[in-house]
C-alpha atoms as a PDB file:
ATOM      1  CA  UNK A   1       7.271  21.390  21.725  1.00  0.00           C
ATOM      2  CA  UNK A   2       6.024  21.148  18.162  1.00  0.00           C
ATOM      3  CA  UNK A   3       8.652  21.787  15.494  1.00  0.00           C
ATOM      4  CA  UNK A   4       7.627  24.949  13.642  1.00  0.00           C
ATOM      5  CA  UNK A   5      10.586  25.009  11.281  1.00  0.00           C
ATOM      6  CA  UNK A   6       9.598  26.046   7.768  1.00  0.00           C
ATOM      7  CA  UNK A   7      10.905  23.592   5.179  1.00  0.00           C
ATOM      8  CA  UNK A   8      11.329  25.145   1.737  1.00  0.00           C
ATOM      9  CA  UNK A   9      11.888  23.659  -1.703  1.00  0.00           C
ATOM     10  CA  UNK A  10      15.526  24.750  -1.736  1.00  0.00           C
ATOM     11  CA  UNK A  11      16.104  23.102   1.640  1.00  0.00           C
ATOM     12  CA  UNK A  12      14.646  19.838   0.338  1.00  0.00           C
ATOM     13  CA  UNK A  13      16.819  20.020  -2.791  1.00  0.00           C
ATOM     14  CA  UNK A  14      19.925  20.512  -0.662  1.00  0.00           C
ATOM     15  CA  UNK A  15      19.012  17.442   1.392  1.00  0.00           C
ATOM     16  CA  UNK A  16      18.401  15.351  -1.738  1.00  0.00           C
ATOM     17  CA  UNK A  17      21.788  16.254  -3.199  1.00  0.00           C
ATOM     18  CA  UNK A  18      23.488  15.509   0.132  1.00  0.00           C
ATOM     19  CA  UNK A  19      21.799  12.100   0.172  1.00  0.00           C
ATOM     20  CA  UNK A  20      23.121  11.297  -3.307  1.00  0.00           C
ATOM     21  CA  UNK A  21      20.198  12.127  -5.605  1.00  0.00           C
ATOM     22  CA  UNK A  22      21.500  13.497  -8.916  1.00  0.00           C
ATOM     23  CA  UNK A  23      20.287  14.683 -12.300  1.00  0.00           C
ATOM     24  CA  UNK A  24      19.124  11.799 -14.483  1.00  0.00           C
ATOM     25  CA  UNK A  25      18.385   9.420 -11.598  1.00  0.00           C
ATOM     26  CA  UNK A  26      15.317   7.219 -11.396  1.00  0.00           C
ATOM     27  CA  UNK A  27      13.896   7.533  -7.870  1.00  0.00           C
ATOM     28  CA  UNK A  28      11.091   5.595  -6.240  1.00  0.00           C
ATOM     29  CA  UNK A  29       9.741   7.198  -3.074  1.00  0.00           C
ATOM     30  CA  UNK A  30       7.756   6.054  -0.035  1.00  0.00           C
ATOM     31  CA  UNK A  31       6.862   9.087   2.063  1.00  0.00           C
ATOM     32  CA  UNK A  32       5.095  10.766   4.956  1.00  0.00           C
ATOM     33  CA  UNK A  33       4.582  14.478   4.361  1.00  0.00           C
ATOM     34  CA  UNK A  34       3.669  15.091   7.996  1.00  0.00           C
ATOM     35  CA  UNK A  35       6.958  13.640   9.198  1.00  0.00           C
ATOM     36  CA  UNK A  36       8.924  16.416   7.441  1.00  0.00           C
ATOM     37  CA  UNK A  37       7.244  19.200   9.388  1.00  0.00           C
ATOM     38  CA  UNK A  38       5.762  22.364   7.925  1.00  0.00           C
ATOM     39  CA  UNK A  39       6.573  22.341   4.206  1.00  0.00           C
ATOM     40  CA  UNK A  40       5.948  25.667   2.482  1.00  0.00           C
ATOM     41  CA  UNK A  41       3.659  24.776  -0.429  1.00  0.00           C
ATOM     42  CA  UNK A  42       2.907  21.270   0.857  1.00  0.00           C
ATOM     43  CA  UNK A  43       3.129  18.104  -1.239  1.00  0.00           C
ATOM     44  CA  UNK A  44       3.649  20.009  -4.499  1.00  0.00           C
ATOM     45  CA  UNK A  45       6.816  21.541  -3.071  1.00  0.00           C
ATOM     46  CA  UNK A  46       8.249  18.097  -2.279  1.00  0.00           C
ATOM     47  CA  UNK A  47       7.446  16.847  -5.792  1.00  0.00           C
ATOM     48  CA  UNK A  48       8.909  19.971  -7.404  1.00  0.00           C
ATOM     49  CA  UNK A  49      12.097  19.608  -5.347  1.00  0.00           C
ATOM     50  CA  UNK A  50      12.564  16.090  -6.661  1.00  0.00           C
ATOM     51  CA  UNK A  51      11.772  16.989 -10.268  1.00  0.00           C
ATOM     52  CA  UNK A  52      14.144  19.952 -10.292  1.00  0.00           C
ATOM     53  CA  UNK A  53      16.920  17.840  -8.753  1.00  0.00           C
ATOM     54  CA  UNK A  54      16.353  14.990 -11.217  1.00  0.00           C
ATOM     55  CA  UNK A  55      16.133  17.299 -14.226  1.00  0.00           C
ATOM     56  CA  UNK A  56      14.579  16.522 -17.600  1.00  0.00           C
ATOM     57  CA  UNK A  57      16.459  13.225 -17.891  1.00  0.00           C
ATOM     58  CA  UNK A  58      15.324  11.941 -14.494  1.00  0.00           C
ATOM     59  CA  UNK A  59      12.222  10.032 -13.394  1.00  0.00           C
ATOM     60  CA  UNK A  60      10.175  10.138 -10.200  1.00  0.00           C
ATOM     61  CA  UNK A  61       7.989   7.148  -9.306  1.00  0.00           C
ATOM     62  CA  UNK A  62       5.530   7.019  -6.404  1.00  0.00           C
ATOM     63  CA  UNK A  63       3.246   4.275  -5.078  1.00  0.00           C
ATOM     64  CA  UNK A  64      -0.418   4.592  -6.019  1.00  0.00           C
ATOM     65  CA  UNK A  65      -1.683   1.584  -4.077  1.00  0.00           C
ATOM     66  CA  UNK A  66      -5.418   1.147  -3.554  1.00  0.00           C
ATOM     67  CA  UNK A  67      -7.398  -0.009  -0.529  1.00  0.00           C
ATOM     68  CA  UNK A  68     -10.611  -2.041  -0.689  1.00  0.00           C
ATOM     69  CA  UNK A  69     -12.931  -3.850   1.696  1.00  0.00           C
ATOM     70  CA  UNK A  70     -10.782  -6.988   1.624  1.00  0.00           C
ATOM     71  CA  UNK A  71     -13.120  -9.039   3.818  1.00  0.00           C
ATOM     72  CA  UNK A  72     -16.133  -8.501   1.554  1.00  0.00           C
ATOM     73  CA  UNK A  73     -14.621  -8.351  -1.945  1.00  0.00           C
ATOM     74  CA  UNK A  74     -13.187 -11.072  -4.173  1.00  0.00           C
ATOM     75  CA  UNK A  75     -10.745 -10.534  -7.048  1.00  0.00           C
ATOM     76  CA  UNK A  76     -13.517  -9.956  -9.583  1.00  0.00           C
ATOM     77  CA  UNK A  77     -15.142  -7.277  -7.425  1.00  0.00           C
ATOM     78  CA  UNK A  78     -11.787  -5.569  -6.905  1.00  0.00           C
ATOM     79  CA  UNK A  79     -11.141  -5.554 -10.665  1.00  0.00           C
ATOM     80  CA  UNK A  80     -14.552  -3.948 -11.255  1.00  0.00           C
ATOM     81  CA  UNK A  81     -13.987  -1.311  -8.562  1.00  0.00           C
ATOM     82  CA  UNK A  82     -10.659  -0.234 -10.071  1.00  0.00           C
ATOM     83  CA  UNK A  83     -10.541   2.852 -12.270  1.00  0.00           C
ATOM     84  CA  UNK A  84      -7.091   3.921 -13.427  1.00  0.00           C
ATOM     85  CA  UNK A  85      -8.243   7.553 -13.786  1.00  0.00           C
ATOM     86  CA  UNK A  86     -10.173   8.096 -10.563  1.00  0.00           C
ATOM     87  CA  UNK A  87      -9.366   5.471  -7.912  1.00  0.00           C
ATOM     88  CA  UNK A  88      -7.402   7.328  -5.201  1.00  0.00           C
ATOM     89  CA  UNK A  89      -4.275   6.033  -3.519  1.00  0.00           C
ATOM     90  CA  UNK A  90      -4.044   5.599   0.249  1.00  0.00           C
ATOM     91  CA  UNK A  91      -0.247   5.923   0.396  1.00  0.00           C
ATOM     92  CA  UNK A  92      -0.180   9.570   1.431  1.00  0.00           C
ATOM     93  CA  UNK A  93      -0.663  13.113   0.198  1.00  0.00           C
ATOM     94  CA  UNK A  94       2.530  13.253  -1.863  1.00  0.00           C
ATOM     95  CA  UNK A  95       1.596  10.233  -4.051  1.00  0.00           C
ATOM     96  CA  UNK A  96      -2.019  11.381  -4.350  1.00  0.00           C
ATOM     97  CA  UNK A  97      -0.851  14.829  -5.435  1.00  0.00           C
ATOM     98  CA  UNK A  98       1.404  13.365  -8.130  1.00  0.00           C
ATOM     99  CA  UNK A  99      -1.418  11.083  -9.301  1.00  0.00           C
ATOM    100  CA  UNK A 100      -3.537  14.164 -10.050  1.00  0.00           C
ATOM    101  CA  UNK A 101      -0.718  16.161 -11.629  1.00  0.00           C
ATOM    102  CA  UNK A 102      -0.723  16.850 -15.357  1.00  0.00           C
ATOM    103  CA  UNK A 103       1.948  14.864 -17.153  1.00  0.00           C
ATOM    104  CA  UNK A 104       2.040  11.958 -14.725  1.00  0.00           C
ATOM    105  CA  UNK A 105       1.394   8.390 -15.897  1.00  0.00           C
ATOM    106  CA  UNK A 106      -0.258   5.662 -13.831  1.00  0.00           C
ATOM    107  CA  UNK A 107       0.237   1.928 -14.272  1.00  0.00           C
ATOM    108  CA  UNK A 108      -2.796  -0.311 -14.747  1.00  0.00           C
ATOM    109  CA  UNK A 109      -3.157  -2.595 -11.730  1.00  0.00           C
ATOM    110  CA  UNK A 110      -6.121  -2.625  -9.316  1.00  0.00           C
ATOM    111  CA  UNK A 111      -4.115  -2.966  -6.094  1.00  0.00           C
ATOM    112  CA  UNK A 112      -0.462  -1.939  -6.585  1.00  0.00           C
ATOM    113  CA  UNK A 113      -0.243   0.683  -9.309  1.00  0.00           C
ATOM    114  CA  UNK A 114       2.444   3.361  -9.405  1.00  0.00           C
ATOM    115  CA  UNK A 115       2.449   6.894 -10.759  1.00  0.00           C
ATOM    116  CA  UNK A 116       5.505   8.197 -12.596  1.00  0.00           C
ATOM    117  CA  UNK A 117       6.695  11.362 -14.262  1.00  0.00           C
ATOM    118  CA  UNK A 118       9.834  11.924 -16.310  1.00  0.00           C
ATOM    119  CA  UNK A 119      12.004  10.214 -18.903  1.00  0.00           C
ATOM    120  CA  UNK A 120      11.222   6.577 -18.045  1.00  0.00           C
ATOM    121  CA  UNK A 121       7.642   7.065 -16.840  1.00  0.00           C
ATOM    122  CA  UNK A 122       6.069   5.273 -19.801  1.00  0.00           C
ATOM    123  CA  UNK A 123       8.612   2.445 -19.776  1.00  0.00           C
ATOM    124  CA  UNK A 124       8.096   1.769 -16.078  1.00  0.00           C
ATOM    125  CA  UNK A 125       4.278   1.867 -16.136  1.00  0.00           C
ATOM    126  CA  UNK A 126       3.176   0.598 -19.560  1.00  0.00           C
ATOM    127  CA  UNK A 127       3.112  -3.210 -19.083  1.00  0.00           C
ATOM    128  CA  UNK A 128       1.605  -3.548 -15.632  1.00  0.00           C
ATOM    129  CA  UNK A 129      -1.731  -4.813 -16.953  1.00  0.00           C
ATOM    130  CA  UNK A 130      -0.070  -7.842 -18.569  1.00  0.00           C
ATOM    131  CA  UNK A 131       2.582  -8.461 -15.886  1.00  0.00           C
ATOM    132  CA  UNK A 132       2.687 -11.902 -14.275  1.00  0.00           C
ATOM    133  CA  UNK A 133       4.406 -13.894 -11.552  1.00  0.00           C
ATOM    134  CA  UNK A 134       3.438 -16.047  -8.589  1.00  0.00           C
ATOM    135  CA  UNK A 135      -0.251 -16.249  -9.461  1.00  0.00           C
ATOM    136  CA  UNK A 136      -0.085 -20.019  -8.909  1.00  0.00           C
ATOM    137  CA  UNK A 137       1.122 -19.747  -5.301  1.00  0.00           C
ATOM    138  CA  UNK A 138      -1.019 -21.298  -2.599  1.00  0.00           C
ATOM    139  CA  UNK A 139      -2.534 -18.766  -0.195  1.00  0.00           C
ATOM    140  CA  UNK A 140      -1.681 -15.783  -2.410  1.00  0.00           C
ATOM    141  CA  UNK A 141      -3.184 -12.844  -0.469  1.00  0.00           C
ATOM    142  CA  UNK A 142      -6.334 -11.264  -1.900  1.00  0.00           C
ATOM    143  CA  UNK A 143      -4.625  -7.863  -1.670  1.00  0.00           C
ATOM    144  CA  UNK A 144      -1.964  -9.030  -4.147  1.00  0.00           C
ATOM    145  CA  UNK A 145      -3.785  -8.762  -7.453  1.00  0.00           C
ATOM    146  CA  UNK A 146      -2.538 -10.869 -10.336  1.00  0.00           C
ATOM    147  CA  UNK A 147       0.489  -9.303 -11.994  1.00  0.00           C
ATOM    148  CA  UNK A 148       1.000  -6.837  -9.164  1.00  0.00           C
ATOM    149  CA  UNK A 149       4.708  -7.536  -8.542  1.00  0.00           C
ATOM    150  CA  UNK A 150       5.811  -9.937 -11.288  1.00  0.00           C
ATOM    151  CA  UNK A 151       7.694  -9.809 -14.549  1.00  0.00           C
ATOM    152  CA  UNK A 152       7.181  -6.521 -16.447  1.00  0.00           C
ATOM    153  CA  UNK A 153       5.528  -4.880 -13.429  1.00  0.00           C
ATOM    154  CA  UNK A 154       6.878  -1.465 -12.379  1.00  0.00           C
ATOM    155  CA  UNK A 155       8.681  -3.185  -9.498  1.00  0.00           C
ATOM    156  CA  UNK A 156      10.463  -5.441 -11.992  1.00  0.00           C
ATOM    157  CA  UNK A 157      11.368  -2.426 -14.134  1.00  0.00           C
ATOM    158  CA  UNK A 158      12.668  -0.470 -11.118  1.00  0.00           C
ATOM    159  CA  UNK A 159      14.845  -3.441 -10.191  1.00  0.00           C
ATOM    160  CA  UNK A 160      16.206  -3.878 -13.726  1.00  0.00           C
ATOM    161  CA  UNK A 161      16.862  -0.132 -14.065  1.00  0.00           C
ATOM    162  CA  UNK A 162      18.445  -0.114 -10.585  1.00  0.00           C
ATOM    163  CA  UNK A 163      16.356   2.833  -9.440  1.00  0.00           C
ATOM    164  CA  UNK A 164      17.259   4.598  -6.219  1.00  0.00           C
ATOM    165  CA  UNK A 165      14.682   3.441  -3.659  1.00  0.00           C
ATOM    166  CA  UNK A 166      13.922   6.080  -1.042  1.00  0.00           C
ATOM    167  CA  UNK A 167      11.971   6.506   2.184  1.00  0.00           C
ATOM    168  CA  UNK A 168      11.040   9.829   3.808  1.00  0.00           C
ATOM    169  CA  UNK A 169       9.720   9.543   7.354  1.00  0.00           C
ATOM    170  CA  UNK A 170       8.808   5.861   6.928  1.00  0.00           C
ATOM    171  CA  UNK A 171      10.831   2.642   6.997  1.00  0.00           C
ATOM    172  CA  UNK A 172      11.067  -0.709   5.234  1.00  0.00           C
ATOM    173  CA  UNK A 173       7.834  -1.948   6.794  1.00  0.00           C
ATOM    174  CA  UNK A 174       6.080  -0.267   3.841  1.00  0.00           C
ATOM    175  CA  UNK A 175       8.632  -1.389   1.216  1.00  0.00           C
ATOM    176  CA  UNK A 176       6.578  -2.637  -1.727  1.00  0.00           C
ATOM    177  CA  UNK A 177       9.718  -3.780  -3.554  1.00  0.00           C
ATOM    178  CA  UNK A 178       9.975  -6.612  -1.027  1.00  0.00           C
ATOM    179  CA  UNK A 179       6.773  -8.028  -2.554  1.00  0.00           C
ATOM    180  CA  UNK A 180       8.762  -8.323  -5.787  1.00  0.00           C
ATOM    181  CA  UNK A 181      11.286 -10.310  -3.747  1.00  0.00           C
ATOM    182  CA  UNK A 182       8.460 -12.668  -2.738  1.00  0.00           C
ATOM    183  CA  UNK A 183       7.519 -13.240  -6.380  1.00  0.00           C
ATOM    184  CA  UNK A 184      11.142 -13.827  -7.426  1.00  0.00           C
ATOM    185  CA  UNK A 185      11.539 -16.354  -4.624  1.00  0.00           C
ATOM    186  CA  UNK A 186       8.433 -18.161  -5.851  1.00  0.00           C
ATOM    187  CA  UNK A 187       9.328 -18.167  -9.530  1.00  0.00           C
ATOM    188  CA  UNK A 188      13.091 -18.698  -9.404  1.00  0.00           C
ATOM    189  CA  UNK A 189      13.500 -20.986  -6.404  1.00  0.00           C
ATOM    190  CA  UNK A 190      10.425 -22.353  -4.621  1.00  0.00           C
ATOM    191  CA  UNK A 191       8.701 -23.510  -7.802  1.00  0.00           C
ATOM    192  CA  UNK A 192      11.621 -25.838  -8.556  1.00  0.00           C
ATOM    193  CA  UNK A 193      10.803 -27.984  -5.534  1.00  0.00           C
ATOM    194  CA  UNK A 194       7.099 -27.277  -4.973  1.00  0.00           C
ATOM    195  CA  UNK A 195       4.744 -26.431  -7.845  1.00  0.00           C
ATOM    196  CA  UNK A 196       2.155 -25.211  -5.337  1.00  0.00           C
ATOM    197  CA  UNK A 197       4.360 -23.390  -2.852  1.00  0.00           C
ATOM    198  CA  UNK A 198       2.804 -21.005  -0.355  1.00  0.00           C
ATOM    199  CA  UNK A 199       3.250 -17.253  -0.639  1.00  0.00           C
ATOM    200  CA  UNK A 200       6.543 -16.597   1.226  1.00  0.00           C
ATOM    201  CA  UNK A 201       6.152 -14.298   4.219  1.00  0.00           C
ATOM    202  CA  UNK A 202       8.702 -12.400   6.302  1.00  0.00           C
ATOM    203  CA  UNK A 203       8.872  -9.188   8.327  1.00  0.00           C
ATOM    204  CA  UNK A 204       9.744  -6.274   6.044  1.00  0.00           C
ATOM    205  CA  UNK A 205      10.846  -4.032   8.904  1.00  0.00           C
ATOM    206  CA  UNK A 206      13.264  -6.649  10.201  1.00  0.00           C
ATOM    207  CA  UNK A 207      14.691  -7.142   6.723  1.00  0.00           C
ATOM    208  CA  UNK A 208      15.180  -3.387   6.430  1.00  0.00           C
ATOM    209  CA  UNK A 209      17.146  -3.274   9.685  1.00  0.00           C
ATOM    210  CA  UNK A 210      19.403  -6.036   8.358  1.00  0.00           C
ATOM    211  CA  UNK A 211      20.025  -4.114   5.132  1.00  0.00           C
ATOM    212  CA  UNK A 212      20.917  -1.047   7.188  1.00  0.00           C
ATOM    213  CA  UNK A 213      23.239  -3.133   9.377  1.00  0.00           C
ATOM    214  CA  UNK A 214      25.028  -4.344   6.233  1.00  0.00           C
ATOM    215  CA  UNK A 215      25.715  -0.732   5.247  1.00  0.00           C
ATOM    216  CA  UNK A 216      23.553  -0.775   2.128  1.00  0.00           C
ATOM    217  CA  UNK A 217      21.266   2.068   3.250  1.00  0.00           C
ATOM    218  CA  UNK A 218      22.261   5.710   3.164  1.00  0.00           C
ATOM    219  CA  UNK A 219      20.662   7.707   5.997  1.00  0.00           C
ATOM    220  CA  UNK A 220      19.830  11.417   5.888  1.00  0.00           C
ATOM    221  CA  UNK A 221      17.213  13.915   7.015  1.00  0.00           C
ATOM    222  CA  UNK A 222      14.701  16.296   5.437  1.00  0.00           C
ATOM    223  CA  UNK A 223      13.159  18.634   7.964  1.00  0.00           C
ATOM    224  CA  UNK A 224      12.127  16.399  10.846  1.00  0.00           C
ATOM    225  CA  UNK A 225      12.009  13.246   8.732  1.00  0.00           C
ATOM    226  CA  UNK A 226      14.689  10.567   8.672  1.00  0.00           C
ATOM    227  CA  UNK A 227      15.414   9.539   5.077  1.00  0.00           C
ATOM    228  CA  UNK A 228      16.746   6.244   3.759  1.00  0.00           C
ATOM    229  CA  UNK A 229      18.157   5.481   0.322  1.00  0.00           C
ATOM    230  CA  UNK A 230      19.144   2.124  -1.195  1.00  0.00           C
ATOM    231  CA  UNK A 231      19.841   0.738  -4.647  1.00  0.00           C
ATOM    232  CA  UNK A 232      16.854  -1.281  -5.900  1.00  0.00           C
ATOM    233  CA  UNK A 233      19.184  -3.982  -7.168  1.00  0.00           C
ATOM    234  CA  UNK A 234      21.022  -4.242  -3.855  1.00  0.00           C
ATOM    235  CA  UNK A 235      17.719  -4.327  -1.998  1.00  0.00           C
ATOM    236  CA  UNK A 236      16.272  -7.179  -4.063  1.00  0.00           C
ATOM    237  CA  UNK A 237      19.374  -9.317  -4.516  1.00  0.00           C
ATOM    238  CA  UNK A 238      20.527  -9.016  -0.907  1.00  0.00           C
ATOM    239  CA  UNK A 239      17.077  -9.796   0.496  1.00  0.00           C
ATOM    240  CA  UNK A 240      16.805 -12.904  -1.674  1.00  0.00           C
ATOM    241  CA  UNK A 241      20.277 -14.068  -0.640  1.00  0.00           C
ATOM    242  CA  UNK A 242      19.565 -13.530   3.061  1.00  0.00           C
ATOM    243  CA  UNK A 243      16.244 -15.369   2.946  1.00  0.00           C
ATOM    244  CA  UNK A 244      17.752 -18.302   1.071  1.00  0.00           C
ATOM    245  CA  UNK A 245      20.868 -18.545   3.251  1.00  0.00           C
ATOM    246  CA  UNK A 246      19.394 -17.739   6.654  1.00  0.00           C
ATOM    247  CA  UNK A 247      15.768 -18.850   6.209  1.00  0.00           C
ATOM    248  CA  UNK A 248      12.506 -17.040   6.818  1.00  0.00           C
ATOM    249  CA  UNK A 249      12.421 -17.632  10.572  1.00  0.00           C
ATOM    250  CA  UNK A 250      15.137 -14.999  11.181  1.00  0.00           C
ATOM    251  CA  UNK A 251      12.911 -12.410   9.507  1.00  0.00           C
ATOM    252  CA  UNK A 252       9.582 -13.137  11.166  1.00  0.00           C
END
């Protein structure tokens, strides 16, 4: 039977506090609105619940990734198709709603932008256009635009600021921060032995299960959606250590 429970803003706020979200936090969120159930007020209610919990000193960051016809477009065509003001995100209704909200700031990258609102919104988004890292890698995927995940990208800033990295109704298979792990592996390790190393690949979902097994992920629930929360720094540094110590084959 379909769950008809009405999920309100106050209920979401209670769940966020129980999970460990507090005033002043920086939170990055992957989400599925549908997974929560019937939310009174829809995506705006979810965003408002976060903003009220985080307070004026907090920051909310959402993915604003863009989808293109990858088989027919090269990097130049993708760059031309990108418009920071109007190109929609395909990462769900919650991110698309924040993208359109007054006061939000979007980073300038044609494939992996983010939208942020709050104290550190400008700091997190402002240098994405000039970010760099791993551009030299052999077989770099066309969907990974130059500068997408490298130094000074929002993903780098979230790592350095140790943002709380959260999932609502989705799992690590959509964890964009693990692309930052790929770039750090390339720049800090692989480049030392191979100046034309291939883009490192591994299964994000399998890595997520390992992080959960290690006790680094806090599990909760909002409505019908399972929630996961992890420190950005723990996520990145543990994933790099595991891949270097255990090899990629265990995560494929």
